[in-house]
């Protein structure tokens, strides 16, 4: 999944959006209102959670306008899965039902709009998203992890890390170009990377979910992961398979 924020984004920049709703007239109406605002570019539309996941692989986006009641999986389930991304898009729920508002904010929704959507209320939601995107971009730009290479201390950006591998009480961090040593344990790094889209797939591995390109079933009900930019295949323990599939939207 490649959906994420652009670090250099300014608060006034046009937001890239995906609309997810199983009803075509509802998608068209919302797109019309967003086009009228002039600050949102609808890059894709989806009629189901499954289709939304495919669109996320194809398009970068900053915000997802998400219905709740849809066939198969619902919008709340998708919003929960998005939280495992490296940089999840902001979520604004757009639904005909007011009773899910509490559940929506439990999955970190930025706003909750009840149909029929009014232009002023939509503008308010978009302003909140712009503020959220700007804050996240600033944080992403500044976050680094201290590591060692060739006897030197180096700071590497969190979004460059493909996976983290435990070695006794220490760890190695793999980027697309090199492997770095850390005196910090895997457990400590897991806490440090919480909220950045990393997932504990095995007692010895943390994986950046945004870098997962392939999932290969192997004997015994386990999996091997292929990551962007690295040759290593990462094992997934049997007890983590179900949670990983949910996090990846599989």
Protein backbone atom coordinates (compact mmCIF):
# COMPACT_ATOMS: atom_id res chain seq x y z
CA UNK A 1 0.00 0.00 0.00
CA UNK A 2 1.41 3.34 -1.02
CA UNK A 3 -1.07 5.82 0.31
CA UNK A 4 0.65 8.52 2.40
CA UNK A 5 1.31 12.17 2.97
CA UNK A 6 3.80 14.27 1.04
CA UNK A 7 6.28 15.71 3.53
CA UNK A 8 6.50 19.05 1.82
CA UNK A 9 2.72 19.55 1.77
CA UNK A 10 1.59 22.95 2.97
CA UNK A 11 -1.69 23.48 4.73
CA UNK A 12 -3.19 25.29 1.72
CA UNK A 13 -2.22 22.59 -0.80
CA UNK A 14 -4.86 20.60 -2.65
CA UNK A 15 -5.73 17.37 -0.85
CA UNK A 16 -5.84 14.10 -2.77
CA UNK A 17 -8.96 12.13 -1.88
CA UNK A 18 -10.61 8.76 -2.42
CA UNK A 19 -14.39 8.43 -2.03
CA UNK A 20 -15.65 5.05 -0.82
CA UNK A 21 -19.40 4.42 -0.99
CA UNK A 22 -21.38 1.54 -2.44
CA UNK A 23 -23.97 3.92 -3.90
CA UNK A 24 -22.91 5.67 -7.12
CA UNK A 25 -25.29 8.68 -6.68
CA UNK A 26 -23.80 9.33 -3.23
CA UNK A 27 -20.27 9.26 -4.64
CA UNK A 28 -21.25 11.65 -7.45
CA UNK A 29 -22.92 14.11 -5.07
CA UNK A 30 -19.94 14.16 -2.71
CA UNK A 31 -17.50 14.59 -5.60
CA UNK A 32 -19.55 17.52 -6.87
CA UNK A 33 -19.45 19.21 -3.45
CA UNK A 34 -15.70 18.61 -3.10
CA UNK A 35 -15.04 19.98 -6.59
CA UNK A 36 -17.01 23.09 -5.62
CA UNK A 37 -14.67 23.66 -2.67
CA UNK A 38 -11.64 23.70 -4.96
CA UNK A 39 -9.25 22.41 -2.32
CA UNK A 40 -9.73 18.66 -2.87
CA UNK A 41 -8.79 16.54 -5.89
CA UNK A 42 -10.77 13.29 -6.00
CA UNK A 43 -8.19 10.90 -7.46
CA UNK A 44 -10.34 7.74 -7.24
CA UNK A 45 -13.68 6.29 -6.23
CA UNK A 46 -14.53 2.86 -4.83
CA UNK A 47 -17.79 0.99 -4.29
CA UNK A 48 -16.49 -1.44 -1.64
CA UNK A 49 -13.74 -1.93 0.91
CA UNK A 50 -12.00 -4.42 -1.36
CA UNK A 51 -12.01 -1.94 -4.25
CA UNK A 52 -10.80 0.82 -1.92
CA UNK A 53 -7.78 -1.27 -0.96
CA UNK A 54 -6.93 -1.73 -4.64
CA UNK A 55 -7.23 2.02 -5.22
CA UNK A 56 -4.90 2.67 -2.28
CA UNK A 57 -2.24 0.59 -4.01
CA UNK A 58 -2.64 2.63 -7.19
CA UNK A 59 -3.13 6.18 -5.93
CA UNK A 60 -1.52 8.34 -3.28
CA UNK A 61 -4.09 10.07 -1.12
CA UNK A 62 -4.30 12.34 1.90
CA UNK A 63 -7.92 11.74 2.90
CA UNK A 64 -10.55 9.07 2.46
CA UNK A 65 -14.24 9.96 2.55
CA UNK A 66 -15.72 6.73 3.77
CA UNK A 67 -19.24 5.31 4.05
CA UNK A 68 -19.90 2.85 6.88
CA UNK A 69 -22.62 0.42 5.79
CA UNK A 70 -21.34 -1.43 2.72
CA UNK A 71 -21.53 -5.03 1.46
CA UNK A 72 -18.97 -7.51 2.80
CA UNK A 73 -16.63 -5.40 4.99
CA UNK A 74 -17.76 -2.05 6.41
CA UNK A 75 -16.07 1.34 6.58
CA UNK A 76 -15.13 1.01 10.24
CA UNK A 77 -13.15 -2.14 9.49
CA UNK A 78 -11.30 -0.40 6.67
CA UNK A 79 -10.52 2.63 8.84
CA UNK A 80 -9.11 0.34 11.52
CA UNK A 81 -6.88 -1.42 8.97
CA UNK A 82 -5.62 1.92 7.65
CA UNK A 83 -4.08 2.71 11.04
CA UNK A 84 -1.40 0.08 10.35
CA UNK A 85 -0.10 1.96 7.31
CA UNK A 86 3.14 3.88 7.59
CA UNK A 87 1.28 7.16 6.96
CA UNK A 88 -2.45 6.44 6.94
CA UNK A 89 -4.75 8.82 5.10
CA UNK A 90 -7.05 10.94 7.18
CA UNK A 91 -10.55 9.47 7.41
CA UNK A 92 -13.80 11.41 7.20
CA UNK A 93 -16.90 9.26 7.54
CA UNK A 94 -19.87 10.21 5.37
CA UNK A 95 -22.89 8.14 6.32
CA UNK A 96 -26.68 8.21 6.67
CA UNK A 97 -26.43 6.93 10.25
CA UNK A 98 -25.55 9.06 13.26
CA UNK A 99 -25.27 6.19 15.77
CA UNK A 100 -21.76 5.12 14.66
CA UNK A 101 -20.07 8.39 15.58
CA UNK A 102 -18.44 7.04 18.76
CA UNK A 103 -17.09 4.00 16.92
CA UNK A 104 -15.77 6.27 14.17
CA UNK A 105 -13.63 8.31 16.51
CA UNK A 106 -12.28 5.13 18.10
CA UNK A 107 -10.55 4.48 14.75
CA UNK A 108 -9.15 8.04 14.69
CA UNK A 109 -11.57 9.59 12.23
CA UNK A 110 -11.00 13.31 11.65
CA UNK A 111 -14.70 14.05 11.21
CA UNK A 112 -18.12 12.44 10.89
CA UNK A 113 -20.66 13.79 8.41
CA UNK A 114 -24.30 12.73 8.22
CA UNK A 115 -26.01 12.62 4.82
CA UNK A 116 -27.27 14.73 3.19
CA UNK A 117 -24.00 16.63 3.49
CA UNK A 118 -24.12 20.43 3.64
CA UNK A 119 -21.42 22.43 1.86
CA UNK A 120 -20.46 24.46 4.94
CA UNK A 121 -20.12 21.35 7.08
CA UNK A 122 -18.02 19.64 4.41
CA UNK A 123 -15.75 22.70 4.18
CA UNK A 124 -15.24 22.49 7.94
CA UNK A 125 -14.26 18.82 7.68
CA UNK A 126 -11.80 19.55 4.87
CA UNK A 127 -10.19 22.33 6.94
CA UNK A 128 -9.69 19.84 9.78
CA UNK A 129 -8.07 17.39 7.38
CA UNK A 130 -5.72 20.06 6.04
CA UNK A 131 -4.60 20.89 9.57
CA UNK A 132 -4.11 17.21 10.39
CA UNK A 133 -2.08 16.57 7.22
CA UNK A 134 0.16 19.57 7.91
CA UNK A 135 0.86 18.42 11.48
CA UNK A 136 1.68 14.87 10.39
CA UNK A 137 3.93 16.07 7.59
CA UNK A 138 5.92 18.19 10.03
CA UNK A 139 6.32 15.26 12.43
CA UNK A 140 7.34 12.83 9.67
CA UNK A 141 9.97 15.21 8.38
CA UNK A 142 11.73 15.40 11.76
CA UNK A 143 11.63 11.81 13.04
CA UNK A 144 14.87 9.83 12.88
CA UNK A 145 16.30 6.72 14.53
CA UNK A 146 19.94 6.72 15.75
CA UNK A 147 21.98 3.76 14.42
CA UNK A 148 25.62 2.78 13.92
CA UNK A 149 27.59 1.97 10.78
CA UNK A 150 31.35 1.58 10.52
CA UNK A 151 31.85 2.97 14.00
CA UNK A 152 29.88 6.12 13.21
CA UNK A 153 26.56 7.31 14.62
CA UNK A 154 23.95 7.93 11.91
CA UNK A 155 20.36 9.17 11.97
CA UNK A 156 18.03 7.45 9.49
CA UNK A 157 14.49 8.49 8.65
CA UNK A 158 11.79 6.17 9.93
CA UNK A 159 10.12 6.00 6.52
CA UNK A 160 13.34 4.56 5.02
CA UNK A 161 13.24 1.47 7.25
CA UNK A 162 12.01 -1.73 5.57
CA UNK A 163 12.25 -4.06 8.56
CA UNK A 164 13.90 -4.44 11.95
CA UNK A 165 15.55 -7.73 12.94
CA UNK A 166 16.43 -8.80 16.49
CA UNK A 167 19.93 -9.99 17.35
CA UNK A 168 20.21 -10.99 21.03
CA UNK A 169 19.61 -7.78 23.01
CA UNK A 170 20.26 -5.56 19.99
CA UNK A 171 18.74 -5.08 16.54
CA UNK A 172 19.51 -4.42 12.89
CA UNK A 173 17.52 -1.94 10.81
CA UNK A 174 17.27 -2.63 7.07
CA UNK A 175 16.72 0.12 4.51
CA UNK A 176 16.61 -0.31 0.73
CA UNK A 177 20.34 0.36 0.53
CA UNK A 178 22.01 -0.89 3.72
CA UNK A 179 21.73 -2.59 7.11
CA UNK A 180 22.45 -0.67 10.34
CA UNK A 181 23.20 -1.76 13.88
CA UNK A 182 21.21 -0.48 16.85
CA UNK A 183 22.04 -0.88 20.52
CA UNK A 184 18.30 -0.65 21.23
CA UNK A 185 16.34 -3.90 21.59
CA UNK A 186 13.57 -4.94 19.21
CA UNK A 187 10.99 -4.50 21.97
CA UNK A 188 12.14 -0.91 22.57
CA UNK A 189 12.15 -0.16 18.85
CA UNK A 190 8.62 -1.57 18.57
CA UNK A 191 7.46 1.04 21.08
CA UNK A 192 9.44 3.76 19.31
CA UNK A 193 7.91 2.87 15.94
CA UNK A 194 4.36 2.54 17.25
CA UNK A 195 2.02 4.57 15.07
CA UNK A 196 4.35 4.50 12.06
CA UNK A 197 2.87 1.49 10.30
CA UNK A 198 5.21 -1.17 11.66
CA UNK A 199 3.89 -4.62 12.57
CA UNK A 200 5.44 -7.37 14.72
CA UNK A 201 5.21 -10.35 12.36
CA UNK A 202 7.51 -12.60 14.36
CA UNK A 203 9.31 -12.51 17.68
CA UNK A 204 12.42 -11.55 15.74
CA UNK A 205 11.00 -9.13 13.15
CA UNK A 206 9.20 -5.81 12.81
CA UNK A 207 8.01 -5.00 9.28
CA UNK A 208 7.06 -1.71 7.63
CA UNK A 209 3.64 -2.66 6.20
CA UNK A 210 3.82 0.03 3.53
CA UNK A 211 6.81 -1.82 2.04
CA UNK A 212 5.09 -5.22 1.72
CA UNK A 213 4.90 -6.26 -1.94
CA UNK A 214 4.23 -9.98 -1.72
CA UNK A 215 2.68 -12.50 0.67
CA UNK A 216 3.67 -16.12 0.10
CA UNK A 217 1.95 -19.01 1.96
CA UNK A 218 4.31 -21.72 3.20
CA UNK A 219 3.84 -25.05 4.94
CA UNK A 220 2.52 -25.09 8.48
CA UNK A 221 0.12 -22.19 7.95
CA UNK A 222 2.80 -19.50 8.02
CA UNK A 223 3.79 -16.83 5.49
CA UNK A 224 6.84 -15.23 3.90
CA UNK A 225 6.79 -11.52 3.08
CA UNK A 226 8.55 -9.84 0.16
CA UNK A 227 9.43 -6.19 0.80
CA UNK A 228 10.20 -3.38 -1.61
CA UNK A 229 13.92 -2.88 -2.14
CA UNK A 230 15.25 -5.86 -0.17
CA UNK A 231 16.07 -9.46 -1.09
CA UNK A 232 15.35 -10.99 2.33
CA UNK A 233 12.01 -12.75 2.74
CA UNK A 234 10.56 -12.14 6.18
CA UNK A 235 8.90 -15.01 8.08
CA UNK A 236 5.53 -14.55 9.74
CA UNK A 237 4.78 -16.68 12.79
CA UNK A 238 1.59 -18.76 12.65
CA UNK A 239 -0.04 -16.88 15.54
CA UNK A 240 0.48 -13.53 13.77
CA UNK A 241 -0.92 -14.57 10.37
CA UNK A 242 -4.54 -13.63 11.04
CA UNK A 243 -3.72 -10.22 12.52
CA UNK A 244 -1.29 -9.47 9.68
CA UNK A 245 -3.85 -10.31 7.01
CA UNK A 246 -6.32 -8.00 8.72
CA UNK A 247 -3.74 -5.21 8.87
CA UNK A 248 -3.00 -5.64 5.15
CA UNK A 249 -6.68 -5.83 4.25
CA UNK A 250 -6.37 -9.39 2.89
